[in-house]
């Protein structure tokens, strides 16, 4: 049976991994052509490292890179929440091969994407 593999990764599983382990796992799975949906996204440092490592791994006709979209984190609108703001993880994050996943629309509560079976 042909199709697209979509892996839904729980917050419990991803939170057990160290930062570099998360990044390596994501790159390895996306290189296999999988679309990953993380229940809880990466923090800004992890996202930066993922982008950096992906850029160095791109090879024409082999690995085209990644497409990644996340809902923004829920923010505490209070004054104390803004003063003591810490690095927050994104909410749900969708990551996949750039040649198979295209974001059509994104806002605070919706990510609309087109997934293609062709590689």
PDB file of N, CA and C in Angstrom:
ATOM      1  N   UNK A   1       0.834  -1.179   0.000  1.00  0.00           N
ATOM      2  CA  UNK A   1       0.000   0.000   0.000  1.00  0.00           C
ATOM      3  C   UNK A   1       0.885   1.250   0.000  1.00  0.00           C
ATOM      4  N   UNK A   2       0.631   2.156  -0.924  1.00  0.00           N
ATOM      5  CA  UNK A   2       1.391   3.396  -0.993  1.00  0.00           C
ATOM      6  C   UNK A   2       0.635   4.501  -0.290  1.00  0.00           C
ATOM      7  N   UNK A   3       1.360   5.455   0.193  1.00  0.00           N
ATOM      8  CA  UNK A   3       0.733   6.579   0.864  1.00  0.00           C
ATOM      9  C   UNK A   3       1.762   7.428   1.567  1.00  0.00           C
ATOM     10  N   UNK A   4       1.276   8.249   2.423  1.00  0.00           N
ATOM     11  CA  UNK A   4       2.118   9.161   3.185  1.00  0.00           C
ATOM     12  C   UNK A   4       2.035   8.764   4.644  1.00  0.00           C
ATOM     13  N   UNK A   5       3.181   8.589   5.280  1.00  0.00           N
ATOM     14  CA  UNK A   5       3.179   8.232   6.699  1.00  0.00           C
ATOM     15  C   UNK A   5       3.139   9.505   7.531  1.00  0.00           C
ATOM     16  N   UNK A   6       2.188   9.548   8.431  1.00  0.00           N
ATOM     17  CA  UNK A   6       1.985  10.677   9.327  1.00  0.00           C
ATOM     18  C   UNK A   6       2.180  10.166  10.748  1.00  0.00           C
ATOM     19  N   UNK A   7       3.212  10.662  11.436  1.00  0.00           N
ATOM     20  CA  UNK A   7       3.484  10.249  12.811  1.00  0.00           C
ATOM     21  C   UNK A   7       3.053  11.349  13.770  1.00  0.00           C
ATOM     22  N   UNK A   8       2.178  11.007  14.701  1.00  0.00           N
ATOM     23  CA  UNK A   8       1.730  11.940  15.735  1.00  0.00           C
ATOM     24  C   UNK A   8       2.569  11.662  16.979  1.00  0.00           C
ATOM     25  N   UNK A   9       3.402  12.608  17.372  1.00  0.00           N
ATOM     26  CA  UNK A   9       4.357  12.416  18.461  1.00  0.00           C
ATOM     27  C   UNK A   9       3.831  13.113  19.719  1.00  0.00           C
ATOM     28  N   UNK A  10       3.646  12.342  20.776  1.00  0.00           N
ATOM     29  CA  UNK A  10       3.095  12.886  22.020  1.00  0.00           C
ATOM     30  C   UNK A  10       4.110  13.784  22.735  1.00  0.00           C
ATOM     31  N   UNK A  11       3.579  14.676  23.541  1.00  0.00           N
ATOM     32  CA  UNK A  11       4.434  15.536  24.363  1.00  0.00           C
ATOM     33  C   UNK A  11       5.311  14.692  25.281  1.00  0.00           C
ATOM     34  N   UNK A  12       4.768  13.603  25.817  1.00  0.00           N
ATOM     35  CA  UNK A  12       5.524  12.734  26.722  1.00  0.00           C
ATOM     36  C   UNK A  12       6.758  12.160  26.030  1.00  0.00           C
ATOM     37  N   UNK A  13       6.611  11.737  24.781  1.00  0.00           N
ATOM     38  CA  UNK A  13       7.745  11.133  24.076  1.00  0.00           C
ATOM     39  C   UNK A  13       8.805  12.170  23.747  1.00  0.00           C
ATOM     40  N   UNK A  14       8.394  13.299  23.213  1.00  0.00           N
ATOM     41  CA  UNK A  14       9.364  14.303  22.782  1.00  0.00           C
ATOM     42  C   UNK A  14      10.063  14.955  23.979  1.00  0.00           C
ATOM     43  N   UNK A  15       9.369  15.086  25.107  1.00  0.00           N
ATOM     44  CA  UNK A  15       9.972  15.734  26.281  1.00  0.00           C
ATOM     45  C   UNK A  15      11.022  14.851  26.961  1.00  0.00           C
ATOM     46  N   UNK A  16      11.033  13.559  26.647  1.00  0.00           N
ATOM     47  CA  UNK A  16      12.047  12.656  27.206  1.00  0.00           C
ATOM     48  C   UNK A  16      13.384  12.778  26.484  1.00  0.00           C
ATOM     49  N   UNK A  17      13.389  13.434  25.335  1.00  0.00           N
ATOM     50  CA  UNK A  17      14.597  13.545  24.523  1.00  0.00           C
ATOM     51  C   UNK A  17      15.366  14.819  24.856  1.00  0.00           C
ATOM     52  N   UNK A  18      16.680  14.724  24.764  1.00  0.00           N
ATOM     53  CA  UNK A  18      17.527  15.911  24.874  1.00  0.00           C
ATOM     54  C   UNK A  18      17.355  16.736  23.604  1.00  0.00           C
ATOM     55  N   UNK A  19      17.728  17.999  23.633  1.00  0.00           N
ATOM     56  CA  UNK A  19      17.530  18.894  22.487  1.00  0.00           C
ATOM     57  C   UNK A  19      18.133  18.347  21.194  1.00  0.00           C
ATOM     58  N   UNK A  20      19.383  17.926  21.221  1.00  0.00           N
ATOM     59  CA  UNK A  20      20.025  17.412  20.009  1.00  0.00           C
ATOM     60  C   UNK A  20      19.387  16.100  19.557  1.00  0.00           C
ATOM     61  N   UNK A  21      18.930  15.316  20.488  1.00  0.00           N
ATOM     62  CA  UNK A  21      18.255  14.065  20.153  1.00  0.00           C
ATOM     63  C   UNK A  21      16.941  14.364  19.404  1.00  0.00           C
ATOM     64  N   UNK A  22      16.211  15.381  19.845  1.00  0.00           N
ATOM     65  CA  UNK A  22      14.975  15.779  19.158  1.00  0.00           C
ATOM     66  C   UNK A  22      15.275  16.198  17.713  1.00  0.00           C
ATOM     67  N   UNK A  23      16.263  17.056  17.564  1.00  0.00           N
ATOM     68  CA  UNK A  23      16.622  17.581  16.245  1.00  0.00           C
ATOM     69  C   UNK A  23      17.051  16.451  15.320  1.00  0.00           C
ATOM     70  N   UNK A  24      17.902  15.574  15.804  1.00  0.00           N
ATOM     71  CA  UNK A  24      18.396  14.448  14.996  1.00  0.00           C
ATOM     72  C   UNK A  24      17.238  13.522  14.619  1.00  0.00           C
ATOM     73  N   UNK A  25      16.355  13.245  15.570  1.00  0.00           N
ATOM     74  CA  UNK A  25      15.195  12.386  15.327  1.00  0.00           C
ATOM     75  C   UNK A  25      14.316  12.982  14.228  1.00  0.00           C
ATOM     76  N   UNK A  26      14.033  14.268  14.326  1.00  0.00           N
ATOM     77  CA  UNK A  26      13.176  14.932  13.340  1.00  0.00           C
ATOM     78  C   UNK A  26      13.797  14.860  11.953  1.00  0.00           C
ATOM     79  N   UNK A  27      15.071  15.195  11.839  1.00  0.00           N
ATOM     80  CA  UNK A  27      15.737  15.160  10.535  1.00  0.00           C
ATOM     81  C   UNK A  27      15.740  13.741   9.969  1.00  0.00           C
ATOM     82  N   UNK A  28      16.062  12.761  10.788  1.00  0.00           N
ATOM     83  CA  UNK A  28      16.099  11.363  10.320  1.00  0.00           C
ATOM     84  C   UNK A  28      14.740  10.906   9.810  1.00  0.00           C
ATOM     85  N   UNK A  29      13.672  11.240  10.542  1.00  0.00           N
ATOM     86  CA  UNK A  29      12.331  10.800  10.156  1.00  0.00           C
ATOM     87  C   UNK A  29      11.837  11.527   8.906  1.00  0.00           C
ATOM     88  N   UNK A  30      12.115  12.817   8.806  1.00  0.00           N
ATOM     89  CA  UNK A  30      11.690  13.575   7.632  1.00  0.00           C
ATOM     90  C   UNK A  30      12.463  13.113   6.391  1.00  0.00           C
ATOM     91  N   UNK A  31      13.725  12.765   6.553  1.00  0.00           N
ATOM     92  CA  UNK A  31      14.504  12.229   5.421  1.00  0.00           C
ATOM     93  C   UNK A  31      13.902  10.938   4.889  1.00  0.00           C
ATOM     94  N   UNK A  32      13.196  10.209   5.745  1.00  0.00           N
ATOM     95  CA  UNK A  32      12.517   8.980   5.319  1.00  0.00           C
ATOM     96  C   UNK A  32      11.185   9.297   4.628  1.00  0.00           C
ATOM     97  N   UNK A  33      10.826  10.580   4.540  1.00  0.00           N
ATOM     98  CA  UNK A  33       9.600  10.995   3.878  1.00  0.00           C
ATOM     99  C   UNK A  33       8.390  11.085   4.790  1.00  0.00           C
ATOM    100  N   UNK A  34       8.591  11.022   6.090  1.00  0.00           N
ATOM    101  CA  UNK A  34       7.477  11.070   7.037  1.00  0.00           C
ATOM    102  C   UNK A  34       7.076  12.511   7.342  1.00  0.00           C
ATOM    103  N   UNK A  35       5.801  12.689   7.626  1.00  0.00           N
ATOM    104  CA  UNK A  35       5.274  13.964   8.132  1.00  0.00           C
ATOM    105  C   UNK A  35       5.116  13.769   9.637  1.00  0.00           C
ATOM    106  N   UNK A  36       5.703  14.657  10.434  1.00  0.00           N
ATOM    107  CA  UNK A  36       5.620  14.558  11.893  1.00  0.00           C
ATOM    108  C   UNK A  36       4.700  15.643  12.428  1.00  0.00           C
ATOM    109  N   UNK A  37       3.862  15.280  13.377  1.00  0.00           N
ATOM    110  CA  UNK A  37       3.026  16.247  14.088  1.00  0.00           C
ATOM    111  C   UNK A  37       3.405  16.123  15.555  1.00  0.00           C
ATOM    112  N   UNK A  38       4.049  17.155  16.074  1.00  0.00           N
ATOM    113  CA  UNK A  38       4.477  17.165  17.476  1.00  0.00           C
ATOM    114  C   UNK A  38       3.386  17.800  18.320  1.00  0.00           C
ATOM    115  N   UNK A  39       2.955  17.082  19.360  1.00  0.00           N
ATOM    116  CA  UNK A  39       1.922  17.620  20.241  1.00  0.00           C
ATOM    117  C   UNK A  39       2.392  18.922  20.881  1.00  0.00           C
ATOM    118  N   UNK A  40       3.661  18.965  21.261  1.00  0.00           N
ATOM    119  CA  UNK A  40       4.258  20.183  21.806  1.00  0.00           C
ATOM    120  C   UNK A  40       5.512  20.452  21.008  1.00  0.00           C
ATOM    121  N   UNK A  41       5.610  21.644  20.472  1.00  0.00           N
ATOM    122  CA  UNK A  41       6.700  21.978  19.566  1.00  0.00           C
ATOM    123  C   UNK A  41       8.041  22.164  20.239  1.00  0.00           C
ATOM    124  N   UNK A  42       8.971  22.672  19.472  1.00  0.00           N
ATOM    125  CA  UNK A  42      10.331  22.906  19.926  1.00  0.00           C
ATOM    126  C   UNK A  42      10.468  24.309  20.500  1.00  0.00           C
ATOM    127  N   UNK A  43      11.466  24.489  21.352  1.00  0.00           N
ATOM    128  CA  UNK A  43      11.743  25.841  21.831  1.00  0.00           C
ATOM    129  C   UNK A  43      12.550  26.574  20.756  1.00  0.00           C
ATOM    130  N   UNK A  44      12.708  27.887  20.865  1.00  0.00           N
ATOM    131  CA  UNK A  44      13.402  28.646  19.816  1.00  0.00           C
ATOM    132  C   UNK A  44      14.832  28.172  19.534  1.00  0.00           C
ATOM    133  N   UNK A  45      15.563  27.746  20.551  1.00  0.00           N
ATOM    134  CA  UNK A  45      16.934  27.247  20.347  1.00  0.00           C
ATOM    135  C   UNK A  45      16.920  25.939  19.547  1.00  0.00           C
ATOM    136  N   UNK A  46      15.979  25.057  19.861  1.00  0.00           N
ATOM    137  CA  UNK A  46      15.872  23.785  19.134  1.00  0.00           C
ATOM    138  C   UNK A  46      15.465  24.028  17.685  1.00  0.00           C
ATOM    139  N   UNK A  47      14.534  24.959  17.468  1.00  0.00           N
ATOM    140  CA  UNK A  47      14.120  25.299  16.101  1.00  0.00           C
ATOM    141  C   UNK A  47      15.298  25.830  15.301  1.00  0.00           C
ATOM    142  N   UNK A  48      16.090  26.699  15.909  1.00  0.00           N
ATOM    143  CA  UNK A  48      17.261  27.265  15.224  1.00  0.00           C
ATOM    144  C   UNK A  48      18.254  26.167  14.858  1.00  0.00           C
ATOM    145  N   UNK A  49      18.494  25.255  15.768  1.00  0.00           N
ATOM    146  CA  UNK A  49      19.428  24.152  15.513  1.00  0.00           C
ATOM    147  C   UNK A  49      18.882  23.235  14.418  1.00  0.00           C
ATOM    148  N   UNK A  50      17.585  22.974  14.429  1.00  0.00           N
ATOM    149  CA  UNK A  50      16.957  22.143  13.399  1.00  0.00           C
ATOM    150  C   UNK A  50      17.137  22.791  12.021  1.00  0.00           C
ATOM    151  N   UNK A  51      16.906  24.072  11.932  1.00  0.00           N
ATOM    152  CA  UNK A  51      17.070  24.775  10.653  1.00  0.00           C
ATOM    153  C   UNK A  51      18.536  24.739  10.210  1.00  0.00           C
ATOM    154  N   UNK A  52      19.439  24.996  11.137  1.00  0.00           N
ATOM    155  CA  UNK A  52      20.870  24.984  10.822  1.00  0.00           C
ATOM    156  C   UNK A  52      21.312  23.608  10.305  1.00  0.00           C
ATOM    157  N   UNK A  53      20.933  22.562  11.006  1.00  0.00           N
ATOM    158  CA  UNK A  53      21.346  21.212  10.607  1.00  0.00           C
ATOM    159  C   UNK A  53      20.668  20.787   9.303  1.00  0.00           C
ATOM    160  N   UNK A  54      19.432  21.210   9.104  1.00  0.00           N
ATOM    161  CA  UNK A  54      18.728  20.886   7.863  1.00  0.00           C
ATOM    162  C   UNK A  54      19.407  21.557   6.676  1.00  0.00           C
ATOM    163  N   UNK A  55      19.774  22.814   6.820  1.00  0.00           N
ATOM    164  CA  UNK A  55      20.425  23.536   5.726  1.00  0.00           C
ATOM    165  C   UNK A  55      21.726  22.846   5.307  1.00  0.00           C
ATOM    166  N   UNK A  56      22.461  22.304   6.268  1.00  0.00           N
ATOM    167  CA  UNK A  56      23.722  21.635   5.924  1.00  0.00           C
ATOM    168  C   UNK A  56      23.493  20.237   5.346  1.00  0.00           C
ATOM    169  N   UNK A  57      22.288  19.675   5.517  1.00  0.00           N
ATOM    170  CA  UNK A  57      22.003  18.327   5.022  1.00  0.00           C
ATOM    171  C   UNK A  57      21.326  18.309   3.650  1.00  0.00           C
ATOM    172  N   UNK A  58      20.931  19.470   3.148  1.00  0.00           N
ATOM    173  CA  UNK A  58      20.224  19.527   1.852  1.00  0.00           C
ATOM    174  C   UNK A  58      21.147  19.070   0.731  1.00  0.00           C
ATOM    175  N   UNK A  59      20.624  18.141  -0.084  1.00  0.00           N
ATOM    176  CA  UNK A  59      21.321  17.647  -1.275  1.00  0.00           C
ATOM    177  C   UNK A  59      20.301  17.575  -2.405  1.00  0.00           C
ATOM    178  N   UNK A  60      20.556  18.248  -3.513  1.00  0.00           N
ATOM    179  CA  UNK A  60      19.606  18.202  -4.626  1.00  0.00           C
ATOM    180  C   UNK A  60      19.276  16.762  -5.020  1.00  0.00           C
ATOM    181  N   UNK A  61      18.027  16.494  -5.287  1.00  0.00           N
ATOM    182  CA  UNK A  61      17.518  15.176  -5.697  1.00  0.00           C
ATOM    183  C   UNK A  61      17.610  14.113  -4.611  1.00  0.00           C
ATOM    184  N   UNK A  62      18.083  14.466  -3.406  1.00  0.00           N
ATOM    185  CA  UNK A  62      18.148  13.499  -2.303  1.00  0.00           C
ATOM    186  C   UNK A  62      17.323  13.983  -1.118  1.00  0.00           C
ATOM    187  N   UNK A  63      17.628  15.175  -0.614  1.00  0.00           N
ATOM    188  CA  UNK A  63      16.932  15.750   0.535  1.00  0.00           C
ATOM    189  C   UNK A  63      16.715  17.228   0.277  1.00  0.00           C
ATOM    190  N   UNK A  64      15.446  17.625   0.132  1.00  0.00           N
ATOM    191  CA  UNK A  64      15.120  19.005  -0.245  1.00  0.00           C
ATOM    192  C   UNK A  64      14.938  19.932   0.952  1.00  0.00           C
ATOM    193  N   UNK A  65      15.081  19.421   2.162  1.00  0.00           N
ATOM    194  CA  UNK A  65      14.900  20.238   3.355  1.00  0.00           C
ATOM    195  C   UNK A  65      13.568  19.952   4.016  1.00  0.00           C
ATOM    196  N   UNK A  66      13.156  20.832   4.917  1.00  0.00           N
ATOM    197  CA  UNK A  66      11.925  20.621   5.668  1.00  0.00           C
ATOM    198  C   UNK A  66      10.992  21.807   5.513  1.00  0.00           C
ATOM    199  N   UNK A  67       9.727  21.546   5.747  1.00  0.00           N
ATOM    200  CA  UNK A  67       8.688  22.576   5.888  1.00  0.00           C
ATOM    201  C   UNK A  67       8.205  22.439   7.323  1.00  0.00           C
ATOM    202  N   UNK A  68       8.119  23.534   8.054  1.00  0.00           N
ATOM    203  CA  UNK A  68       7.730  23.461   9.459  1.00  0.00           C
ATOM    204  C   UNK A  68       6.795  24.617   9.783  1.00  0.00           C
ATOM    205  N   UNK A  69       5.691  24.301  10.455  1.00  0.00           N
ATOM    206  CA  UNK A  69       4.748  25.319  10.928  1.00  0.00           C
ATOM    207  C   UNK A  69       4.297  24.949  12.331  1.00  0.00           C
ATOM    208  N   UNK A  70       4.123  25.955  13.156  1.00  0.00           N
ATOM    209  CA  UNK A  70       3.683  25.751  14.537  1.00  0.00           C
ATOM    210  C   UNK A  70       2.622  26.776  14.906  1.00  0.00           C
ATOM    211  N   UNK A  71       1.747  26.370  15.819  1.00  0.00           N
ATOM    212  CA  UNK A  71       0.880  27.349  16.456  1.00  0.00           C
ATOM    213  C   UNK A  71       1.741  28.106  17.440  1.00  0.00           C
ATOM    214  N   UNK A  72       1.515  29.400  17.616  1.00  0.00           N
ATOM    215  CA  UNK A  72       2.265  30.118  18.648  1.00  0.00           C
ATOM    216  C   UNK A  72       1.874  29.620  20.043  1.00  0.00           C
ATOM    217  N   UNK A  73       2.791  29.763  20.975  1.00  0.00           N
ATOM    218  CA  UNK A  73       2.535  29.351  22.351  1.00  0.00           C
ATOM    219  C   UNK A  73       1.449  30.228  22.958  1.00  0.00           C
ATOM    220  N   UNK A  74       0.711  29.668  23.889  1.00  0.00           N
ATOM    221  CA  UNK A  74      -0.243  30.480  24.647  1.00  0.00           C
ATOM    222  C   UNK A  74       0.558  31.428  25.511  1.00  0.00           C
ATOM    223  N   UNK A  75       0.176  32.674  25.517  1.00  0.00           N
ATOM    224  CA  UNK A  75       0.929  33.657  26.292  1.00  0.00           C
ATOM    225  C   UNK A  75       0.113  34.123  27.477  1.00  0.00           C
ATOM    226  N   UNK A  76       0.816  34.475  28.526  1.00  0.00           N
ATOM    227  CA  UNK A  76       0.196  35.032  29.719  1.00  0.00           C
ATOM    228  C   UNK A  76       0.121  36.536  29.505  1.00  0.00           C
ATOM    229  N   UNK A  77      -1.066  37.070  29.377  1.00  0.00           N
ATOM    230  CA  UNK A  77      -1.256  38.479  29.069  1.00  0.00           C
ATOM    231  C   UNK A  77      -1.063  39.414  30.251  1.00  0.00           C
ATOM    232  N   UNK A  78      -0.854  38.873  31.447  1.00  0.00           N
ATOM    233  CA  UNK A  78      -0.699  39.739  32.617  1.00  0.00           C
ATOM    234  C   UNK A  78       0.664  40.424  32.614  1.00  0.00           C
ATOM    235  N   UNK A  79       0.779  41.490  33.372  1.00  0.00           N
ATOM    236  CA  UNK A  79       2.038  42.220  33.471  1.00  0.00           C
ATOM    237  C   UNK A  79       3.139  41.314  34.020  1.00  0.00           C
ATOM    238  N   UNK A  80       2.848  40.549  35.077  1.00  0.00           N
ATOM    239  CA  UNK A  80       3.858  39.642  35.636  1.00  0.00           C
ATOM    240  C   UNK A  80       4.251  38.568  34.629  1.00  0.00           C
ATOM    241  N   UNK A  81       3.282  38.096  33.862  1.00  0.00           N
ATOM    242  CA  UNK A  81       3.570  37.095  32.845  1.00  0.00           C
ATOM    243  C   UNK A  81       4.527  37.622  31.794  1.00  0.00           C
ATOM    244  N   UNK A  82       4.371  38.893  31.438  1.00  0.00           N
ATOM    245  CA  UNK A  82       5.262  39.513  30.449  1.00  0.00           C
ATOM    246  C   UNK A  82       6.649  39.778  31.035  1.00  0.00           C
ATOM    247  N   UNK A  83       6.708  40.178  32.290  1.00  0.00           N
ATOM    248  CA  UNK A  83       7.985  40.467  32.937  1.00  0.00           C
ATOM    249  C   UNK A  83       8.806  39.193  33.107  1.00  0.00           C
ATOM    250  N   UNK A  84       8.160  38.112  33.542  1.00  0.00           N
ATOM    251  CA  UNK A  84       8.871  36.871  33.824  1.00  0.00           C
ATOM    252  C   UNK A  84       8.751  35.865  32.681  1.00  0.00           C
ATOM    253  N   UNK A  85       8.554  36.404  31.484  1.00  0.00           N
ATOM    254  CA  UNK A  85       8.380  35.538  30.307  1.00  0.00           C
ATOM    255  C   UNK A  85       9.632  34.683  30.111  1.00  0.00           C
ATOM    256  N   UNK A  86       9.421  33.397  29.955  1.00  0.00           N
ATOM    257  CA  UNK A  86      10.545  32.499  29.697  1.00  0.00           C
ATOM    258  C   UNK A  86      10.411  31.983  28.272  1.00  0.00           C
ATOM    259  N   UNK A  87      11.445  31.287  27.797  1.00  0.00           N
ATOM    260  CA  UNK A  87      11.384  30.679  26.474  1.00  0.00           C
ATOM    261  C   UNK A  87      10.262  29.672  26.469  1.00  0.00           C
ATOM    262  N   UNK A  88       9.306  29.865  25.606  1.00  0.00           N
ATOM    263  CA  UNK A  88       8.183  28.943  25.596  1.00  0.00           C
ATOM    264  C   UNK A  88       8.201  28.113  24.328  1.00  0.00           C
ATOM    265  N   UNK A  89       7.796  26.877  24.483  1.00  0.00           N
ATOM    266  CA  UNK A  89       7.668  26.010  23.330  1.00  0.00           C
ATOM    267  C   UNK A  89       6.422  26.392  22.562  1.00  0.00           C
ATOM    268  N   UNK A  90       6.435  26.086  21.309  1.00  0.00           N
ATOM    269  CA  UNK A  90       5.254  26.274  20.481  1.00  0.00           C
ATOM    270  C   UNK A  90       4.244  25.211  20.888  1.00  0.00           C
ATOM    271  N   UNK A  91       3.022  25.387  20.433  1.00  0.00           N
ATOM    272  CA  UNK A  91       2.026  24.347  20.646  1.00  0.00           C
ATOM    273  C   UNK A  91       2.242  23.292  19.564  1.00  0.00           C
ATOM    274  N   UNK A  92       1.223  22.833  18.933  1.00  0.00           N
ATOM    275  CA  UNK A  92       1.317  21.814  17.902  1.00  0.00           C
ATOM    276  C   UNK A  92       2.243  22.259  16.773  1.00  0.00           C
ATOM    277  N   UNK A  93       3.106  21.339  16.309  1.00  0.00           N
ATOM    278  CA  UNK A  93       4.036  21.642  15.228  1.00  0.00           C
ATOM    279  C   UNK A  93       3.936  20.564  14.163  1.00  0.00           C
ATOM    280  N   UNK A  94       3.884  20.973  12.896  1.00  0.00           N
ATOM    281  CA  UNK A  94       3.840  20.052  11.765  1.00  0.00           C
ATOM    282  C   UNK A  94       5.150  20.213  11.002  1.00  0.00           C
ATOM    283  N   UNK A  95       5.852  19.075  10.774  1.00  0.00           N
ATOM    284  CA  UNK A  95       7.146  19.094  10.092  1.00  0.00           C
ATOM    285  C   UNK A  95       7.147  17.989   9.042  1.00  0.00           C
ATOM    286  N   UNK A  96       7.625  18.301   7.850  1.00  0.00           N
ATOM    287  CA  UNK A  96       7.702  17.292   6.808  1.00  0.00           C
ATOM    288  C   UNK A  96       8.682  17.694   5.729  1.00  0.00           C
ATOM    289  N   UNK A  97       8.888  16.798   4.757  1.00  0.00           N
ATOM    290  CA  UNK A  97       9.790  17.106   3.646  1.00  0.00           C
ATOM    291  C   UNK A  97       9.273  18.308   2.859  1.00  0.00           C
ATOM    292  N   UNK A  98      10.166  19.215   2.519  1.00  0.00           N
ATOM    293  CA  UNK A  98       9.767  20.435   1.819  1.00  0.00           C
ATOM    294  C   UNK A  98       9.128  20.144   0.467  1.00  0.00           C
ATOM    295  N   UNK A  99       9.500  19.016  -0.156  1.00  0.00           N
ATOM    296  CA  UNK A  99       8.932  18.711  -1.466  1.00  0.00           C
ATOM    297  C   UNK A  99       7.603  17.963  -1.377  1.00  0.00           C
ATOM    298  N   UNK A 100       7.107  17.697  -0.162  1.00  0.00           N
ATOM    299  CA  UNK A 100       5.844  16.995   0.015  1.00  0.00           C
ATOM    300  C   UNK A 100       4.822  17.769   0.840  1.00  0.00           C
ATOM    301  N   UNK A 101       5.268  18.747   1.612  1.00  0.00           N
ATOM    302  CA  UNK A 101       4.390  19.480   2.522  1.00  0.00           C
ATOM    303  C   UNK A 101       4.429  20.961   2.174  1.00  0.00           C
ATOM    304  N   UNK A 102       3.277  21.534   1.900  1.00  0.00           N
ATOM    305  CA  UNK A 102       3.197  22.958   1.585  1.00  0.00           C
ATOM    306  C   UNK A 102       2.135  23.593   2.460  1.00  0.00           C
ATOM    307  N   UNK A 103       2.520  24.626   3.175  1.00  0.00           N
ATOM    308  CA  UNK A 103       1.577  25.356   4.016  1.00  0.00           C
ATOM    309  C   UNK A 103       0.722  26.253   3.135  1.00  0.00           C
ATOM    310  N   UNK A 104      -0.593  26.087   3.250  1.00  0.00           N
ATOM    311  CA  UNK A 104      -1.523  26.904   2.484  1.00  0.00           C
ATOM    312  C   UNK A 104      -1.979  28.123   3.274  1.00  0.00           C
ATOM    313  N   UNK A 105      -2.233  27.913   4.573  1.00  0.00           N
ATOM    314  CA  UNK A 105      -2.731  28.987   5.424  1.00  0.00           C
ATOM    315  C   UNK A 105      -2.326  28.707   6.857  1.00  0.00           C
ATOM    316  N   UNK A 106      -1.975  29.756   7.562  1.00  0.00           N
ATOM    317  CA  UNK A 106      -1.625  29.605   8.975  1.00  0.00           C
ATOM    318  C   UNK A 106      -2.078  30.837   9.721  1.00  0.00           C
ATOM    319  N   UNK A 107      -2.751  30.611  10.849  1.00  0.00           N
ATOM    320  CA  UNK A 107      -3.047  31.696  11.771  1.00  0.00           C
ATOM    321  C   UNK A 107      -2.912  31.143  13.177  1.00  0.00           C
ATOM    322  N   UNK A 108      -3.365  31.891  14.151  1.00  0.00           N
ATOM    323  CA  UNK A 108      -3.166  31.501  15.554  1.00  0.00           C
ATOM    324  C   UNK A 108      -3.781  30.149  15.909  1.00  0.00           C
ATOM    325  N   UNK A 109      -4.860  29.745  15.242  1.00  0.00           N
ATOM    326  CA  UNK A 109      -5.558  28.519  15.616  1.00  0.00           C
ATOM    327  C   UNK A 109      -5.741  27.525  14.482  1.00  0.00           C
ATOM    328  N   UNK A 110      -5.090  27.747  13.343  1.00  0.00           N
ATOM    329  CA  UNK A 110      -5.271  26.867  12.198  1.00  0.00           C
ATOM    330  C   UNK A 110      -3.999  26.775  11.379  1.00  0.00           C
ATOM    331  N   UNK A 111      -3.625  25.551  11.021  1.00  0.00           N
ATOM    332  CA  UNK A 111      -2.575  25.323  10.041  1.00  0.00           C
ATOM    333  C   UNK A 111      -3.222  24.489   8.944  1.00  0.00           C
ATOM    334  N   UNK A 112      -3.257  25.014   7.730  1.00  0.00           N
ATOM    335  CA  UNK A 112      -3.814  24.299   6.593  1.00  0.00           C
ATOM    336  C   UNK A 112      -2.660  23.959   5.665  1.00  0.00           C
ATOM    337  N   UNK A 113      -2.501  22.669   5.360  1.00  0.00           N
ATOM    338  CA  UNK A 113      -1.369  22.245   4.538  1.00  0.00           C
ATOM    339  C   UNK A 113      -1.815  21.280   3.456  1.00  0.00           C
ATOM    340  N   UNK A 114      -1.062  21.284   2.381  1.00  0.00           N
ATOM    341  CA  UNK A 114      -1.266  20.356   1.280  1.00  0.00           C
ATOM    342  C   UNK A 114      -0.138  19.343   1.351  1.00  0.00           C
ATOM    343  N   UNK A 115      -0.477  18.062   1.365  1.00  0.00           N
ATOM    344  CA  UNK A 115       0.522  17.003   1.426  1.00  0.00           C
ATOM    345  C   UNK A 115       0.496  16.259   0.099  1.00  0.00           C
ATOM    346  N   UNK A 116       1.656  16.117  -0.502  1.00  0.00           N
ATOM    347  CA  UNK A 116       1.785  15.448  -1.784  1.00  0.00           C
ATOM    348  C   UNK A 116       2.486  14.109  -1.594  1.00  0.00           C
ATOM    349  N   UNK A 117       2.051  13.090  -2.311  1.00  0.00           N
ATOM    350  CA  UNK A 117       2.676  11.773  -2.225  1.00  0.00           C
ATOM    351  C   UNK A 117       3.926  11.700  -3.084  1.00  0.00           C
ATOM    352  N   UNK A 118       4.065  12.570  -4.058  1.00  0.00           N
ATOM    353  CA  UNK A 118       5.235  12.505  -4.938  1.00  0.00           C
ATOM    354  C   UNK A 118       6.455  13.047  -4.239  1.00  0.00           C
ATOM    355  N   UNK A 119       7.585  12.447  -4.567  1.00  0.00           N
ATOM    356  CA  UNK A 119       8.849  12.862  -3.944  1.00  0.00           C
ATOM    357  C   UNK A 119       9.735  13.582  -4.924  1.00  0.00           C
TER     358      UNK A 119
END
